[in-house]
C-alpha atoms as a PDB file:
ATOM      1  CA  MET A   1      45.957 -16.285 -39.304  1.00  0.00           C
ATOM      2  CA  ALA A   2      43.116 -15.107 -37.294  1.00  0.00           C
ATOM      3  CA  ALA A   3      42.189 -11.425 -36.576  1.00  0.00           C
ATOM      4  CA  ARG A   4      42.108  -9.872 -33.245  1.00  0.00           C
ATOM      5  CA  THR A   5      38.307  -8.934 -33.376  1.00  0.00           C
ATOM      6  CA  ASP A   6      37.328 -12.792 -34.290  1.00  0.00           C
ATOM      7  CA  ASP A   7      37.736 -13.536 -30.576  1.00  0.00           C
ATOM      8  CA  LEU A   8      35.008 -10.842 -30.216  1.00  0.00           C
ATOM      9  CA  LEU A   9      32.603 -11.918 -32.181  1.00  0.00           C
ATOM     10  CA  ARG A  10      32.577 -15.751 -30.529  1.00  0.00           C
ATOM     11  CA  TYR A  11      30.233 -16.692 -28.230  1.00  0.00           C
ATOM     12  CA  ARG A  12      31.782 -16.113 -24.901  1.00  0.00           C
ATOM     13  CA  PRO A  13      30.592 -17.752 -22.058  1.00  0.00           C
ATOM     14  CA  TRP A  14      29.031 -16.468 -18.810  1.00  0.00           C
ATOM     15  CA  ARG A  15      31.690 -16.771 -16.007  1.00  0.00           C
ATOM     16  CA  GLY A  16      29.562 -15.220 -12.917  1.00  0.00           C
ATOM     17  CA  GLN A  17      28.616 -17.789 -10.111  1.00  0.00           C
ATOM     18  CA  PRO A  18      25.153 -19.352 -11.704  1.00  0.00           C
ATOM     19  CA  ARG A  19      22.343 -18.733  -9.155  1.00  0.00           C
ATOM     20  CA  GLY A  20      18.562 -20.178  -8.603  1.00  0.00           C
ATOM     21  CA  PRO A  21      15.024 -18.775  -9.655  1.00  0.00           C
ATOM     22  CA  LEU A  22      14.128 -16.995  -7.138  1.00  0.00           C
ATOM     23  CA  HIS A  23      17.053 -13.999  -7.801  1.00  0.00           C
ATOM     24  CA  ALA A  24      15.594 -14.250 -11.192  1.00  0.00           C
ATOM     25  CA  ALA A  25      12.453 -12.839  -9.207  1.00  0.00           C
ATOM     26  CA  VAL A  26      14.541 -10.345  -7.479  1.00  0.00           C
ATOM     27  CA  ALA A  27      16.284  -9.125 -10.839  1.00  0.00           C
ATOM     28  CA  LEU A  28      12.716  -8.769 -12.412  1.00  0.00           C
ATOM     29  CA  ALA A  29      11.211  -6.846  -9.614  1.00  0.00           C
ATOM     30  CA  ARG A  30      14.581  -4.536  -9.607  1.00  0.00           C
ATOM     31  CA  MET A  31      14.069  -4.144 -13.622  1.00  0.00           C
ATOM     32  CA  SER A  32      10.125  -3.144 -13.025  1.00  0.00           C
ATOM     33  CA  LEU A  33      11.344  -0.096 -10.294  1.00  0.00           C
ATOM     34  CA  ARG A  34      13.721   0.802 -12.915  1.00  0.00           C
ATOM     35  CA  VAL A  35      11.168   1.007 -15.492  1.00  0.00           C
ATOM     36  CA  LEU A  36       8.806   3.385 -13.015  1.00  0.00           C
ATOM     37  CA  LEU A  37      11.075   5.478 -11.475  1.00  0.00           C
ATOM     38  CA  ARG A  38      11.206   6.660 -15.265  1.00  0.00           C
ATOM     39  CA  GLN A  39       7.558   7.690 -14.975  1.00  0.00           C
ATOM     40  CA  ARG A  40       7.427  11.738 -14.045  1.00  0.00           C
ATOM     41  CA  LEU A  41       4.101  11.080 -12.847  1.00  0.00           C
ATOM     42  CA  LEU A  42       4.822   8.870 -10.539  1.00  0.00           C
ATOM     43  CA  TRP A  43       7.520  11.152  -9.098  1.00  0.00           C
ATOM     44  CA  GLY A  44       4.059  13.943  -8.440  1.00  0.00           C
ATOM     45  CA  LEU A  45       2.392  11.176  -7.127  1.00  0.00           C
ATOM     46  CA  PHE A  46       5.177  10.739  -4.886  1.00  0.00           C
ATOM     47  CA  GLY A  47       5.381  14.426  -3.987  1.00  0.00           C
ATOM     48  CA  LEU A  48       1.723  13.791  -3.116  1.00  0.00           C
ATOM     49  CA  GLY A  49       1.902  11.536  -0.933  1.00  0.00           C
ATOM     50  CA  LEU A  50       4.701  13.356   0.934  1.00  0.00           C
ATOM     51  CA  LEU A  51       2.610  15.776   1.964  1.00  0.00           C
ATOM     52  CA  VAL A  52       0.171  13.516   3.242  1.00  0.00           C
ATOM     53  CA  PHE A  53       2.783  12.595   5.532  1.00  0.00           C
ATOM     54  CA  SER A  54       3.757  15.583   6.295  1.00  0.00           C
ATOM     55  CA  PHE A  55       0.600  16.978   7.463  1.00  0.00           C
ATOM     56  CA  PHE A  56       0.743  14.086  10.376  1.00  0.00           C
ATOM     57  CA  PHE A  57       4.786  14.562  11.258  1.00  0.00           C
ATOM     58  CA  TYR A  58       4.277  18.075  11.414  1.00  0.00           C
ATOM     59  CA  ALA A  59       0.721  17.878  13.541  1.00  0.00           C
ATOM     60  CA  GLN A  60       1.635  15.408  16.020  1.00  0.00           C
ATOM     61  CA  TYR A  61       4.364  18.064  16.488  1.00  0.00           C
ATOM     62  CA  LEU A  62       1.929  20.801  16.750  1.00  0.00           C
ATOM     63  CA  VAL A  63      -0.290  19.022  19.526  1.00  0.00           C
ATOM     64  CA  VAL A  64       2.433  18.567  21.947  1.00  0.00           C
ATOM     65  CA  TRP A  65       3.782  22.101  20.802  1.00  0.00           C
ATOM     66  CA  ILE A  66       0.785  23.913  22.118  1.00  0.00           C
ATOM     67  CA  THR A  67      -0.332  21.553  25.199  1.00  0.00           C
ATOM     68  CA  ASN A  68       3.209  22.202  26.592  1.00  0.00           C
ATOM     69  CA  GLN A  69       3.489  26.323  25.649  1.00  0.00           C
ATOM     70  CA  LEU A  70      -0.007  27.572  26.522  1.00  0.00           C
ATOM     71  CA  GLY A  71      -0.884  25.332  29.398  1.00  0.00           C
ATOM     72  CA  THR A  72      -4.594  26.470  30.310  1.00  0.00           C
ATOM     73  CA  GLU A  73      -4.440  29.886  29.106  1.00  0.00           C
ATOM     74  CA  THR A  74      -7.131  31.373  26.332  1.00  0.00           C
ATOM     75  CA  VAL A  75      -5.780  32.123  23.093  1.00  0.00           C
ATOM     76  CA  ARG A  76      -7.804  34.103  19.938  1.00  0.00           C
ATOM     77  CA  PHE A  77      -8.258  32.078  17.037  1.00  0.00           C
ATOM     78  CA  ALA A  78      -9.849  34.203  13.639  1.00  0.00           C
ATOM     79  CA  GLY A  79     -10.998  36.693  16.461  1.00  0.00           C
ATOM     80  CA  ILE A  80     -12.491  33.910  17.979  1.00  0.00           C
ATOM     81  CA  PRO A  81     -11.334  33.073  22.291  1.00  0.00           C
ATOM     82  CA  VAL A  82     -10.475  29.229  22.442  1.00  0.00           C
ATOM     83  CA  THR A  83      -9.564  27.939  25.251  1.00  0.00           C
ATOM     84  CA  VAL A  84      -6.822  25.193  25.568  1.00  0.00           C
ATOM     85  CA  THR A  85      -9.598  22.401  26.345  1.00  0.00           C
ATOM     86  CA  ASN A  86     -11.593  22.999  23.296  1.00  0.00           C
ATOM     87  CA  LEU A  87      -8.407  22.864  20.912  1.00  0.00           C
ATOM     88  CA  THR A  88      -7.349  19.526  22.379  1.00  0.00           C
ATOM     89  CA  LYS A  89     -10.353  18.171  22.288  1.00  0.00           C
ATOM     90  CA  PHE A  90     -10.594  19.210  18.507  1.00  0.00           C
ATOM     91  CA  LEU A  91      -7.119  18.146  17.578  1.00  0.00           C
ATOM     92  CA  ASP A  92      -7.792  14.466  19.653  1.00  0.00           C
ATOM     93  CA  ARG A  93     -10.746  13.976  17.087  1.00  0.00           C
ATOM     94  CA  LEU A  94      -7.698  13.617  14.532  1.00  0.00           C
ATOM     95  CA  ASN A  95      -6.140  10.980  17.088  1.00  0.00           C
ATOM     96  CA  LEU A  96      -2.651  13.004  16.664  1.00  0.00           C
ATOM     97  CA  ASN A  97      -1.597  11.607  19.820  1.00  0.00           C
ATOM     98  CA  GLY A  98       0.704   8.303  18.998  1.00  0.00           C
ATOM     99  CA  THR A  99      -2.358   5.287  19.162  1.00  0.00           C
ATOM    100  CA  ALA A 100      -3.076   3.089  17.092  1.00  0.00           C
ATOM    101  CA  HIS A 101      -5.826   5.267  14.944  1.00  0.00           C
ATOM    102  CA  THR A 102      -3.047   7.737  14.510  1.00  0.00           C
ATOM    103  CA  PHE A 103      -1.136   5.551  12.144  1.00  0.00           C
ATOM    104  CA  GLY A 104      -4.908   3.927  11.142  1.00  0.00           C
ATOM    105  CA  ASN A 105      -5.820   7.269  10.285  1.00  0.00           C
ATOM    106  CA  PHE A 106      -2.890   7.898   8.226  1.00  0.00           C
ATOM    107  CA  ILE A 107      -2.314   4.892   6.251  1.00  0.00           C
ATOM    108  CA  TRP A 108      -6.139   5.635   5.293  1.00  0.00           C
ATOM    109  CA  PHE A 109      -5.708   8.904   4.050  1.00  0.00           C
ATOM    110  CA  GLN A 110      -2.478   7.867   2.443  1.00  0.00           C
ATOM    111  CA  GLY A 111      -4.662   5.431   0.631  1.00  0.00           C
ATOM    112  CA  TYR A 112      -6.040   7.870  -2.195  1.00  0.00           C
ATOM    113  CA  VAL A 113      -2.623   8.224  -3.393  1.00  0.00           C
ATOM    114  CA  LEU A 114      -1.212   4.780  -3.028  1.00  0.00           C
ATOM    115  CA  VAL A 115      -4.668   4.088  -4.770  1.00  0.00           C
ATOM    116  CA  ILE A 116      -3.741   5.638  -7.998  1.00  0.00           C
ATOM    117  CA  VAL A 117      -0.367   4.978  -8.218  1.00  0.00           C
ATOM    118  CA  LEU A 118      -1.277   1.266  -8.434  1.00  0.00           C
ATOM    119  CA  ALA A 119      -3.571   1.469 -10.640  1.00  0.00           C
ATOM    120  CA  LEU A 120      -1.063   3.353 -12.950  1.00  0.00           C
ATOM    121  CA  ALA A 121       1.705   1.039 -12.277  1.00  0.00           C
ATOM    122  CA  GLY A 122       0.154  -1.844 -12.526  1.00  0.00           C
ATOM    123  CA  SER A 123      -0.448  -1.134 -17.068  1.00  0.00           C
ATOM    124  CA  VAL A 124       3.520  -0.690 -16.767  1.00  0.00           C
ATOM    125  CA  LEU A 125       4.727  -3.517 -14.843  1.00  0.00           C
ATOM    126  CA  VAL A 126       2.407  -6.294 -16.249  1.00  0.00           C
ATOM    127  CA  GLY A 127       0.713  -4.925 -18.484  1.00  0.00           C
ATOM    128  CA  ASN A 128       3.307  -4.115 -21.293  1.00  0.00           C
ATOM    129  CA  ASP A 129       4.441  -7.554 -21.048  1.00  0.00           C
ATOM    130  CA  PHE A 130       1.353  -8.748 -22.154  1.00  0.00           C
ATOM    131  CA  ALA A 131       0.239  -6.322 -24.304  1.00  0.00           C
ATOM    132  CA  HIS A 132       3.940  -6.056 -26.017  1.00  0.00           C
ATOM    133  CA  GLY A 133       4.383 -10.361 -26.149  1.00  0.00           C
ATOM    134  CA  SER A 134       7.069  -9.906 -23.434  1.00  0.00           C
ATOM    135  CA  LEU A 135       6.083 -12.309 -21.364  1.00  0.00           C
ATOM    136  CA  PRO A 136       6.555 -15.559 -23.179  1.00  0.00           C
ATOM    137  CA  TYR A 137      10.107 -14.548 -23.348  1.00  0.00           C
ATOM    138  CA  TYR A 138      10.654 -14.243 -19.832  1.00  0.00           C
ATOM    139  CA  LEU A 139       8.731 -17.458 -19.362  1.00  0.00           C
ATOM    140  CA  SER A 140      11.318 -19.275 -22.099  1.00  0.00           C
ATOM    141  CA  LYS A 141      14.097 -18.791 -19.617  1.00  0.00           C
ATOM    142  CA  PRO A 142      15.182 -21.040 -16.457  1.00  0.00           C
ATOM    143  CA  ILE A 143      12.575 -19.418 -14.366  1.00  0.00           C
ATOM    144  CA  GLY A 144       8.844 -20.479 -13.540  1.00  0.00           C
ATOM    145  CA  ARG A 145       5.670 -18.581 -13.569  1.00  0.00           C
ATOM    146  CA  ARG A 146       5.726 -18.702  -9.992  1.00  0.00           C
ATOM    147  CA  HIS A 147       8.845 -16.680 -10.727  1.00  0.00           C
ATOM    148  CA  TYR A 148       7.680 -14.168 -12.867  1.00  0.00           C
ATOM    149  CA  LEU A 149       4.212 -13.354 -10.434  1.00  0.00           C
ATOM    150  CA  LEU A 150       7.080 -13.074  -7.423  1.00  0.00           C
ATOM    151  CA  GLY A 151       8.603 -10.634  -9.173  1.00  0.00           C
ATOM    152  CA  LYS A 152       5.910  -8.697  -9.948  1.00  0.00           C
ATOM    153  CA  CYS A 153       4.612  -8.648  -6.679  1.00  0.00           C
ATOM    154  CA  LEU A 154       7.558  -7.918  -5.057  1.00  0.00           C
ATOM    155  CA  ALA A 155       7.647  -4.458  -7.492  1.00  0.00           C
ATOM    156  CA  VAL A 156       4.380  -3.843  -6.098  1.00  0.00           C
ATOM    157  CA  GLY A 157       5.348  -4.396  -2.817  1.00  0.00           C
ATOM    158  CA  THR A 158       8.152  -2.202  -2.688  1.00  0.00           C
ATOM    159  CA  LEU A 159       5.698   0.608  -3.660  1.00  0.00           C
ATOM    160  CA  ILE A 160       3.301  -0.036  -1.098  1.00  0.00           C
ATOM    161  CA  ASN A 161       6.131  -0.229   1.984  1.00  0.00           C
ATOM    162  CA  VAL A 162       7.390   2.733   0.895  1.00  0.00           C
ATOM    163  CA  PHE A 163       4.397   4.543   0.529  1.00  0.00           C
ATOM    164  CA  VAL A 164       2.571   3.541   3.617  1.00  0.00           C
ATOM    165  CA  THR A 165       4.708   1.105   5.950  1.00  0.00           C
ATOM    166  CA  VAL A 166       8.336   3.303   5.942  1.00  0.00           C
ATOM    167  CA  PRO A 167       6.534   6.450   6.598  1.00  0.00           C
ATOM    168  CA  ALA A 168       3.651   5.089   9.480  1.00  0.00           C
ATOM    169  CA  VAL A 169       7.367   3.893  11.011  1.00  0.00           C
ATOM    170  CA  VAL A 170       8.681   7.444  10.850  1.00  0.00           C
ATOM    171  CA  LEU A 171       5.865   8.303  12.518  1.00  0.00           C
ATOM    172  CA  TRP A 172       6.201   6.244  15.665  1.00  0.00           C
ATOM    173  CA  VAL A 173       9.513   7.361  15.830  1.00  0.00           C
ATOM    174  CA  GLU A 174       8.357  10.499  15.840  1.00  0.00           C
ATOM    175  CA  ALA A 175       5.643   9.943  18.719  1.00  0.00           C
ATOM    176  CA  GLY A 176       8.128   8.175  20.853  1.00  0.00           C
ATOM    177  CA  LEU A 177      10.752  11.380  20.941  1.00  0.00           C
ATOM    178  CA  LEU A 178       7.481  13.525  21.444  1.00  0.00           C
ATOM    179  CA  PHE A 179       5.147  11.365  24.116  1.00  0.00           C
ATOM    180  CA  ASP A 180       7.904  10.497  26.813  1.00  0.00           C
ATOM    181  CA  TRP A 181      10.114   8.298  24.949  1.00  0.00           C
ATOM    182  CA  GLU A 182      11.292   6.462  28.033  1.00  0.00           C
ATOM    183  CA  THR A 183       8.071   4.734  28.212  1.00  0.00           C
ATOM    184  CA  TYR A 184       6.798   4.978  24.853  1.00  0.00           C
ATOM    185  CA  TYR A 185       9.144   2.596  22.625  1.00  0.00           C
ATOM    186  CA  LEU A 186       8.742  -0.307  25.446  1.00  0.00           C
ATOM    187  CA  ASN A 187       4.690   0.100  25.903  1.00  0.00           C
ATOM    188  CA  ASN A 188       4.394   0.560  22.571  1.00  0.00           C
ATOM    189  CA  VAL A 189       6.295  -2.186  20.635  1.00  0.00           C
ATOM    190  CA  ASP A 190       2.770  -3.684  19.148  1.00  0.00           C
ATOM    191  CA  LEU A 191       2.402  -0.773  17.519  1.00  0.00           C
ATOM    192  CA  LEU A 192       5.059  -1.070  15.795  1.00  0.00           C
ATOM    193  CA  LEU A 193       4.452  -4.592  15.019  1.00  0.00           C
ATOM    194  CA  GLY A 194       1.065  -3.771  13.873  1.00  0.00           C
ATOM    195  CA  VAL A 195       2.141  -1.520  11.422  1.00  0.00           C
ATOM    196  CA  PHE A 196       4.483  -4.281   9.455  1.00  0.00           C
ATOM    197  CA  GLY A 197       1.384  -6.007   9.918  1.00  0.00           C
ATOM    198  CA  TYR A 198      -1.096  -3.959   8.113  1.00  0.00           C
ATOM    199  CA  GLY A 199       1.520  -3.449   5.710  1.00  0.00           C
ATOM    200  CA  THR A 200       1.990  -7.549   4.950  1.00  0.00           C
ATOM    201  CA  VAL A 201      -1.753  -7.413   4.687  1.00  0.00           C
ATOM    202  CA  LEU A 202      -1.844  -3.907   1.913  1.00  0.00           C
ATOM    203  CA  THR A 203       1.182  -5.762  -0.112  1.00  0.00           C
ATOM    204  CA  VAL A 204      -0.442  -8.732  -0.125  1.00  0.00           C
ATOM    205  CA  THR A 205      -3.573  -8.101  -1.211  1.00  0.00           C
ATOM    206  CA  LEU A 206      -2.990  -4.964  -3.316  1.00  0.00           C
ATOM    207  CA  SER A 207      -0.253  -6.661  -5.403  1.00  0.00           C
ATOM    208  CA  LEU A 208      -2.271  -9.584  -6.715  1.00  0.00           C
ATOM    209  CA  LEU A 209      -5.127  -7.349  -6.862  1.00  0.00           C
ATOM    210  CA  VAL A 210      -2.563  -5.314  -9.032  1.00  0.00           C
ATOM    211  CA  VAL A 211      -1.340  -7.855 -11.323  1.00  0.00           C
ATOM    212  CA  ALA A 212      -4.644  -9.637 -11.831  1.00  0.00           C
ATOM    213  CA  THR A 213      -6.167  -6.653 -12.726  1.00  0.00           C
ATOM    214  CA  ALA A 214      -3.339  -5.625 -15.320  1.00  0.00           C
ATOM    215  CA  ILE A 215      -3.040  -9.135 -16.597  1.00  0.00           C
ATOM    216  CA  TRP A 216      -7.203  -8.683 -17.659  1.00  0.00           C
ATOM    217  CA  VAL A 217      -7.392  -5.114 -19.136  1.00  0.00           C
ATOM    218  CA  ARG A 218      -4.078  -4.468 -19.652  1.00  0.00           C
ATOM    219  CA  ARG A 219      -3.891  -0.934 -20.982  1.00  0.00           C
ATOM    220  CA  THR A 220      -3.579   2.087 -18.291  1.00  0.00           C
ATOM    221  CA  VAL A 221      -6.926   3.843 -18.664  1.00  0.00           C
ATOM    222  CA  PRO A 222      -9.266   1.068 -18.486  1.00  0.00           C
ATOM    223  CA  MET A 223      -6.995  -0.079 -15.478  1.00  0.00           C
ATOM    224  CA  VAL A 224      -7.836   3.637 -13.734  1.00  0.00           C
ATOM    225  CA  MET A 225     -11.243   3.152 -14.487  1.00  0.00           C
ATOM    226  CA  VAL A 226     -11.345  -1.041 -13.068  1.00  0.00           C
ATOM    227  CA  TRP A 227      -9.892   0.598  -9.750  1.00  0.00           C
ATOM    228  CA  MET A 228     -11.730   3.546  -9.777  1.00  0.00           C
ATOM    229  CA  GLY A 229     -15.264   1.274  -9.526  1.00  0.00           C
ATOM    230  CA  ILE A 230     -13.733  -1.271  -6.967  1.00  0.00           C
ATOM    231  CA  PHE A 231     -12.367   1.999  -4.737  1.00  0.00           C
ATOM    232  CA  ALA A 232     -14.754   4.606  -5.283  1.00  0.00           C
ATOM    233  CA  PHE A 233     -18.220   3.066  -6.840  1.00  0.00           C
ATOM    234  CA  LEU A 234     -18.270   0.102  -4.530  1.00  0.00           C
ATOM    235  CA  ARG A 235     -17.277   2.091  -1.453  1.00  0.00           C
ATOM    236  CA  MET A 236     -20.312   4.834  -2.012  1.00  0.00           C
ATOM    237  CA  LEU A 237     -22.744   1.494  -3.282  1.00  0.00           C
ATOM    238  CA  GLY A 238     -21.541  -0.065   0.308  1.00  0.00           C
ATOM    239  CA  GLU A 239     -21.893   3.075   2.042  1.00  0.00           C
ATOM    240  CA  GLN A 240     -25.395   3.884   1.020  1.00  0.00           C
ATOM    241  CA  LEU A 241     -26.480   0.061   1.432  1.00  0.00           C
ATOM    242  CA  ALA A 242     -25.238  -0.306   5.177  1.00  0.00           C
ATOM    243  CA  ARG A 243     -27.223   2.844   5.923  1.00  0.00           C
ATOM    244  CA  GLU A 244     -30.781   1.890   3.967  1.00  0.00           C
ATOM    245  CA  LEU A 245     -30.804  -1.256   4.862  1.00  0.00           C
ATOM    246  CA  GLU A 246     -28.670  -1.045   8.269  1.00  0.00           C
ATOM    247  CA  THR A 247     -26.600  -3.839   7.916  1.00  0.00           C
ATOM    248  CA  PRO A 248     -23.047  -3.211   8.645  1.00  0.00           C
ATOM    249  CA  ALA A 249     -21.966  -6.324   6.241  1.00  0.00           C
ATOM    250  CA  TRP A 250     -22.779  -4.416   3.288  1.00  0.00           C
ATOM    251  CA  ARG A 251     -19.617  -2.028   4.066  1.00  0.00           C
ATOM    252  CA  LEU A 252     -17.405  -5.712   2.873  1.00  0.00           C
ATOM    253  CA  LEU A 253     -18.105  -4.017  -0.773  1.00  0.00           C
ATOM    254  CA  ASP A 254     -15.323  -1.169  -0.069  1.00  0.00           C
ATOM    255  CA  LEU A 255     -11.782  -3.301  -0.019  1.00  0.00           C
ATOM    256  CA  TRP A 256     -10.243  -0.460   1.857  1.00  0.00           C
ATOM    257  CA  ASN A 257     -12.748   0.109   4.492  1.00  0.00           C
ATOM    258  CA  SER A 258     -11.939  -3.787   4.681  1.00  0.00           C
ATOM    259  CA  LEU A 259      -8.165  -3.623   4.536  1.00  0.00           C
ATOM    260  CA  TYR A 260      -8.584  -0.944   7.036  1.00  0.00           C
ATOM    261  CA  LEU A 261     -10.208  -3.058   9.355  1.00  0.00           C
ATOM    262  CA  CYS A 262      -8.019  -5.668   9.277  1.00  0.00           C
ATOM    263  CA  GLY A 263      -4.633  -3.082  10.213  1.00  0.00           C
ATOM    264  CA  LEU A 264      -6.774  -1.791  12.464  1.00  0.00           C
ATOM    265  CA  TRP A 265      -6.812  -5.514  14.066  1.00  0.00           C
ATOM    266  CA  CYS A 266      -3.354  -5.678  13.895  1.00  0.00           C
ATOM    267  CA  LEU A 267      -2.935  -2.508  15.277  1.00  0.00           C
ATOM    268  CA  GLY A 268      -5.070  -4.182  18.489  1.00  0.00           C
ATOM    269  CA  VAL A 269      -7.907  -1.133  18.126  1.00  0.00           C
ATOM    270  CA  ASP A 270     -10.999  -1.989  20.186  1.00  0.00           C
ATOM    271  CA  HIS A 271     -13.958  -2.573  17.529  1.00  0.00           C
ATOM    272  CA  GLU A 272     -16.254  -0.308  19.319  1.00  0.00           C
ATOM    273  CA  THR A 273     -13.801   2.652  19.053  1.00  0.00           C
ATOM    274  CA  ILE A 274     -13.782   2.392  15.021  1.00  0.00           C
ATOM    275  CA  ARG A 275     -15.249   4.965  12.939  1.00  0.00           C
ATOM    276  CA  PRO A 276     -17.665   5.439  10.962  1.00  0.00           C
ATOM    277  CA  VAL A 277     -20.303   3.207  12.706  1.00  0.00           C
ATOM    278  CA  PRO A 278     -21.551   0.588  12.073  1.00  0.00           C
ATOM    279  CA  GLN A 279     -18.746  -1.562  10.755  1.00  0.00           C
ATOM    280  CA  PRO A 280     -18.431  -5.160  10.069  1.00  0.00           C
ATOM    281  CA  ARG A 281     -16.806  -7.647  12.862  1.00  0.00           C
ATOM    282  CA  PHE A 282     -12.953  -7.476  11.698  1.00  0.00           C
ATOM    283  CA  TRP A 283     -13.690 -11.208  11.368  1.00  0.00           C
ATOM    284  CA  GLN A 284     -15.615 -10.864   8.310  1.00  0.00           C
ATOM    285  CA  ALA A 285     -13.593  -8.157   6.843  1.00  0.00           C
ATOM    286  CA  TRP A 286     -10.892 -10.642   6.691  1.00  0.00           C
ATOM    287  CA  LEU A 287     -12.754 -13.472   5.138  1.00  0.00           C
ATOM    288  CA  ALA A 288     -13.287 -10.427   2.580  1.00  0.00           C
ATOM    289  CA  VAL A 289      -9.929  -9.578   1.917  1.00  0.00           C
ATOM    290  CA  ALA A 290      -9.076 -13.634   1.821  1.00  0.00           C
ATOM    291  CA  GLY A 291     -11.383 -14.201  -0.379  1.00  0.00           C
ATOM    292  CA  VAL A 292     -10.247 -11.306  -3.109  1.00  0.00           C
ATOM    293  CA  SER A 293      -6.864 -12.512  -2.617  1.00  0.00           C
ATOM    294  CA  VAL A 294      -7.827 -16.310  -3.463  1.00  0.00           C
ATOM    295  CA  ALA A 295      -9.801 -15.011  -6.391  1.00  0.00           C
ATOM    296  CA  CYS A 296      -6.624 -12.885  -7.714  1.00  0.00           C
ATOM    297  CA  LEU A 297      -4.158 -15.935  -7.250  1.00  0.00           C
ATOM    298  CA  LEU A 298      -6.798 -18.484  -9.210  1.00  0.00           C
ATOM    299  CA  TYR A 299      -7.054 -16.115 -11.821  1.00  0.00           C
ATOM    300  CA  LEU A 300      -3.507 -15.490 -12.295  1.00  0.00           C
ATOM    301  CA  ARG A 301      -2.906 -19.254 -11.910  1.00  0.00           C
ATOM    302  CA  ARG A 302      -5.085 -19.573 -15.374  1.00  0.00           C
ATOM    303  CA  ARG A 303      -4.124 -17.191 -16.962  1.00  0.00           C
ATOM    304  CA  ILE A 304      -0.089 -17.314 -16.816  1.00  0.00           C
ATOM    305  CA  GLN A 305      -1.030 -20.867 -17.295  1.00  0.00           C
ATOM    306  CA  ALA A 306      -2.511 -20.091 -21.064  1.00  0.00           C
ATOM    307  CA  VAL A 307       0.689 -18.360 -22.297  1.00  0.00           C
ATOM    308  CA  GLU A 308       2.262 -20.514 -24.800  1.00  0.00           C
ATOM    309  CA  ILE A 309       6.228 -20.552 -24.224  1.00  0.00           C
ATOM    310  CA  VAL A 310       8.755 -21.440 -26.785  1.00  0.00           C
ATOM    311  CA  GLN A 311      11.858 -22.727 -25.535  1.00  0.00           C
END
């Protein structure tokens, strides 16, 4: 007679409901995020990004409090008499008034933390799959190459939106509560849509760039160096060339500045109000961002197709 343990040693068929390959992409994204959440450094960088958000959150409240409490009085700051008018002008330079530049400036400064996070996340999410030979295992399953890329891009896009889009939406809600909520929400729906548009541009472009660079260099240190070259060295080079040659198109070398211009276009900002000047036109920024995205897609298509699959 067969022992009771024989049934446990035999093959047991899958009893759940089979799903399509798109659900495999979601599963890859979920698994990738779980791996990232185990990284202690990521939590430290998340706290740094929270500091940037806290500054804008409480600074908006400070602007309203000063305007309502002080009126036309003169106060002394560090022993220097400061009128409310001069103090308001200083705060207005920070654009902490719930306008489109408020959200543009927040995403700009938050980008310094986001770039570091994505540089570290790329090697963990994608580089290890190539370094340790995990990619052929994934592709041997009934999923396509595009589903693998979609899953990894979903994981990167989730990080981007957690660091950028969600805090920007919270700032929009706070601005409505501080600056006459009865009219702010109705008159500034376009700003909320612009925030989502800005987040979409960042998600598509940076997720493709993260996966492409991670496949190229694979290791953490080389990837950080490559990203610092893209977002630091090219920025300084573009600014120097634009200033020396008096041609603002050289600023297109700075990818983050191009993404910033695309985001301001989504927010409906007047081009003449963008600082520093001069800046490329909006259509030039869109062409630069689209060129980077297409180049990443072509590179990913070539590298993923070159992987041998054993089924």
